[in-house]
C-alpha atoms as a PDB file:
ATOM      1  CA  MET A   1      -5.954 -45.979  86.810  1.00  0.00           C
ATOM      2  CA  SER A   2      -7.146 -49.020  88.709  1.00  0.00           C
ATOM      3  CA  GLY A   3     -10.522 -47.361  89.381  1.00  0.00           C
ATOM      4  CA  LEU A   4     -11.149 -46.812  85.666  1.00  0.00           C
ATOM      5  CA  SER A   5     -10.454 -50.414  84.806  1.00  0.00           C
ATOM      6  CA  THR A   6     -12.923 -51.636  87.476  1.00  0.00           C
ATOM      7  CA  PHE A   7     -15.557 -49.266  86.117  1.00  0.00           C
ATOM      8  CA  ASP A   8     -15.090 -50.535  82.564  1.00  0.00           C
ATOM      9  CA  ARG A   9     -15.508 -54.140  83.615  1.00  0.00           C
ATOM     10  CA  SER A  10     -18.636 -53.481  85.605  1.00  0.00           C
ATOM     11  CA  TRP A  11     -20.119 -51.627  82.626  1.00  0.00           C
ATOM     12  CA  LEU A  12     -19.086 -54.352  80.160  1.00  0.00           C
ATOM     13  CA  ARG A  13     -20.584 -57.389  81.903  1.00  0.00           C
ATOM     14  CA  PRO A  14     -24.235 -56.256  81.787  1.00  0.00           C
ATOM     15  CA  ARG A  15     -23.850 -55.356  78.097  1.00  0.00           C
ATOM     16  CA  ILE A  16     -22.369 -58.752  77.266  1.00  0.00           C
ATOM     17  CA  LEU A  17     -25.191 -60.399  79.185  1.00  0.00           C
ATOM     18  CA  VAL A  18     -27.817 -58.344  77.330  1.00  0.00           C
ATOM     19  CA  VAL A  19     -26.208 -59.093  73.960  1.00  0.00           C
ATOM     20  CA  ALA A  20     -25.991 -62.810  74.799  1.00  0.00           C
ATOM     21  CA  ILE A  21     -29.665 -62.887  75.825  1.00  0.00           C
ATOM     22  CA  LEU A  22     -30.665 -61.070  72.634  1.00  0.00           C
ATOM     23  CA  LEU A  23     -28.625 -63.506  70.539  1.00  0.00           C
ATOM     24  CA  LEU A  24     -30.271 -66.467  72.259  1.00  0.00           C
ATOM     25  CA  LEU A  25     -33.715 -64.969  71.657  1.00  0.00           C
ATOM     26  CA  LEU A  26     -32.839 -64.329  68.026  1.00  0.00           C
ATOM     27  CA  LEU A  27     -31.608 -67.905  67.636  1.00  0.00           C
ATOM     28  CA  ALA A  28     -34.758 -69.292  69.252  1.00  0.00           C
ATOM     29  CA  ALA A  29     -36.951 -67.126  67.027  1.00  0.00           C
ATOM     30  CA  SER A  30     -35.108 -68.245  63.887  1.00  0.00           C
ATOM     31  CA  LEU A  31     -35.501 -71.917  64.787  1.00  0.00           C
ATOM     32  CA  ALA A  32     -39.050 -71.948  66.080  1.00  0.00           C
ATOM     33  CA  GLY A  33     -42.177 -70.149  65.054  1.00  0.00           C
ATOM     34  CA  GLU A  34     -44.246 -69.961  61.888  1.00  0.00           C
ATOM     35  CA  ARG A  35     -41.310 -68.827  59.751  1.00  0.00           C
ATOM     36  CA  GLY A  36     -38.554 -70.647  61.630  1.00  0.00           C
ATOM     37  CA  LEU A  37     -36.024 -73.060  60.214  1.00  0.00           C
ATOM     38  CA  ILE A  38     -37.790 -76.081  61.699  1.00  0.00           C
ATOM     39  CA  ARG A  39     -41.072 -75.138  60.042  1.00  0.00           C
ATOM     40  CA  LEU A  40     -39.232 -74.438  56.788  1.00  0.00           C
ATOM     41  CA  TYR A  41     -37.673 -77.906  56.885  1.00  0.00           C
ATOM     42  CA  GLN A  42     -41.070 -79.524  57.551  1.00  0.00           C
ATOM     43  CA  MET A  43     -42.613 -77.624  54.650  1.00  0.00           C
ATOM     44  CA  HIS A  44     -39.751 -78.714  52.394  1.00  0.00           C
ATOM     45  CA  GLN A  45     -40.374 -82.363  53.313  1.00  0.00           C
ATOM     46  CA  THR A  46     -44.111 -81.970  52.717  1.00  0.00           C
ATOM     47  CA  ARG A  47     -43.434 -80.409  49.334  1.00  0.00           C
ATOM     48  CA  ALA A  48     -41.152 -83.294  48.346  1.00  0.00           C
ATOM     49  CA  ASP A  49     -43.815 -85.828  49.410  1.00  0.00           C
ATOM     50  CA  LEU A  50     -46.486 -83.990  47.420  1.00  0.00           C
ATOM     51  CA  ASN A  51     -44.249 -83.832  44.341  1.00  0.00           C
ATOM     52  CA  ARG A  52     -43.745 -87.620  44.520  1.00  0.00           C
ATOM     53  CA  GLU A  53     -47.495 -88.116  44.854  1.00  0.00           C
ATOM     54  CA  VAL A  54     -48.137 -85.847  41.858  1.00  0.00           C
ATOM     55  CA  GLU A  55     -45.670 -87.890  39.781  1.00  0.00           C
ATOM     56  CA  GLN A  56     -47.405 -91.145  40.767  1.00  0.00           C
ATOM     57  CA  LEU A  57     -50.850 -89.738  39.990  1.00  0.00           C
ATOM     58  CA  THR A  58     -49.634 -88.353  36.667  1.00  0.00           C
ATOM     59  CA  ALA A  59     -48.331 -91.798  35.697  1.00  0.00           C
ATOM     60  CA  ALA A  60     -51.600 -93.450  36.775  1.00  0.00           C
ATOM     61  CA  ASN A  61     -53.563 -90.849  34.820  1.00  0.00           C
ATOM     62  CA  ALA A  62     -51.481 -91.536  31.694  1.00  0.00           C
ATOM     63  CA  ALA A  63     -52.122 -95.287  32.042  1.00  0.00           C
ATOM     64  CA  LEU A  64     -55.859 -94.701  32.401  1.00  0.00           C
ATOM     65  CA  ALA A  65     -55.871 -92.354  29.406  1.00  0.00           C
ATOM     66  CA  GLU A  66     -54.179 -95.084  27.342  1.00  0.00           C
ATOM     67  CA  GLU A  67     -56.782 -97.591  28.495  1.00  0.00           C
ATOM     68  CA  VAL A  68     -59.583 -95.200  27.468  1.00  0.00           C
ATOM     69  CA  ARG A  69     -57.927 -94.749  24.067  1.00  0.00           C
ATOM     70  CA  VAL A  70     -57.804 -98.533  23.593  1.00  0.00           C
ATOM     71  CA  PHE A  71     -61.479 -98.878  24.505  1.00  0.00           C
ATOM     72  CA  ARG A  72     -62.459 -96.148  22.041  1.00  0.00           C
ATOM     73  CA  THR A  73     -60.469 -97.587  19.153  1.00  0.00           C
ATOM     74  CA  ASP A  74     -60.809-101.364  19.692  1.00  0.00           C
ATOM     75  CA  PRO A  75     -64.386-102.638  19.971  1.00  0.00           C
ATOM     76  CA  GLY A  76     -63.034-106.179  20.262  1.00  0.00           C
ATOM     77  CA  ARG A  77     -61.494-105.272  23.603  1.00  0.00           C
ATOM     78  CA  ILE A  78     -64.871-104.162  24.964  1.00  0.00           C
ATOM     79  CA  GLU A  79     -66.447-107.385  23.706  1.00  0.00           C
ATOM     80  CA  ALA A  80     -63.723-109.470  25.351  1.00  0.00           C
ATOM     81  CA  ILE A  81     -64.291-107.771  28.692  1.00  0.00           C
ATOM     82  CA  ALA A  82     -68.062-108.188  28.373  1.00  0.00           C
ATOM     83  CA  ARG A  83     -67.609-111.906  27.731  1.00  0.00           C
ATOM     84  CA  GLU A  84     -64.920-112.604  30.336  1.00  0.00           C
ATOM     85  CA  GLU A  85     -65.980-110.430  33.241  1.00  0.00           C
ATOM     86  CA  LEU A  86     -69.721-110.090  32.737  1.00  0.00           C
ATOM     87  CA  GLY A  87     -70.477-113.450  31.086  1.00  0.00           C
ATOM     88  CA  LEU A  88     -72.397-111.819  28.223  1.00  0.00           C
ATOM     89  CA  VAL A  89     -73.058-113.612  24.942  1.00  0.00           C
ATOM     90  CA  LYS A  90     -74.299-112.580  21.533  1.00  0.00           C
ATOM     91  CA  PRO A  91     -77.853-113.446  20.566  1.00  0.00           C
ATOM     92  CA  GLY A  92     -78.035-116.941  19.106  1.00  0.00           C
ATOM     93  CA  GLU A  93     -74.778-118.155  20.630  1.00  0.00           C
ATOM     94  CA  ILE A  94     -74.749-121.443  22.466  1.00  0.00           C
ATOM     95  CA  ILE A  95     -72.738-121.736  25.629  1.00  0.00           C
ATOM     96  CA  TYR A  96     -71.087-124.986  26.574  1.00  0.00           C
ATOM     97  CA  GLU A  97     -69.983-125.415  30.155  1.00  0.00           C
ATOM     98  CA  PHE A  98     -67.579-128.193  30.960  1.00  0.00           C
ATOM     99  CA  ARG A  99     -67.559-129.241  34.548  1.00  0.00           C
ATOM    100  CA  GLY A 100     -64.938-131.442  36.047  1.00  0.00           C
ATOM    101  CA  THR A 101     -66.135-134.789  37.315  1.00  0.00           C
ATOM    102  CA  ALA A 102     -65.840-135.548  40.978  1.00  0.00           C
ATOM    103  CA  PRO A 103     -63.578-138.474  41.804  1.00  0.00           C
ATOM    104  CA  SER A 104     -65.566-141.641  42.208  1.00  0.00           C
ATOM    105  CA  GLN A 105     -65.960-142.864  45.729  1.00  0.00           C
ATOM    106  CA  PRO A 106     -65.795-146.536  46.488  1.00  0.00           C
ATOM    107  CA  PRO A 107     -69.188-148.033  47.350  1.00  0.00           C
ATOM    108  CA  THR A 108     -69.939-148.310  50.988  1.00  0.00           C
ATOM    109  CA  ASP A 109     -71.269-151.495  52.501  1.00  0.00           C
ATOM    110  CA  ALA A 110     -74.894-151.069  53.340  1.00  0.00           C
ATOM    111  CA  ARG A 111     -75.304-153.576  56.122  1.00  0.00           C
END
């Protein structure tokens, strides 16, 4: 009976080793590679970043659309921008510019 038990153990060890190696290879393949868990996690993070960017751009687009609507419906707003930012005036208008006076300097002795 002792010979049979030695035979079983010698047969079992190589199988356990092969199974362990296969499991390690399977684990490595599931973590790394194009479809691995690490790549899946990276893609998930990229997707979350892109979704945040889409939300920000959607909000900016809505603000710009509102600004366009205001420009189309309020000609006074366009005129105000033309006056303030471009310095335009209507024909016949007179422009008054008020400049601050420089502080007077005491006279210097001309000797």
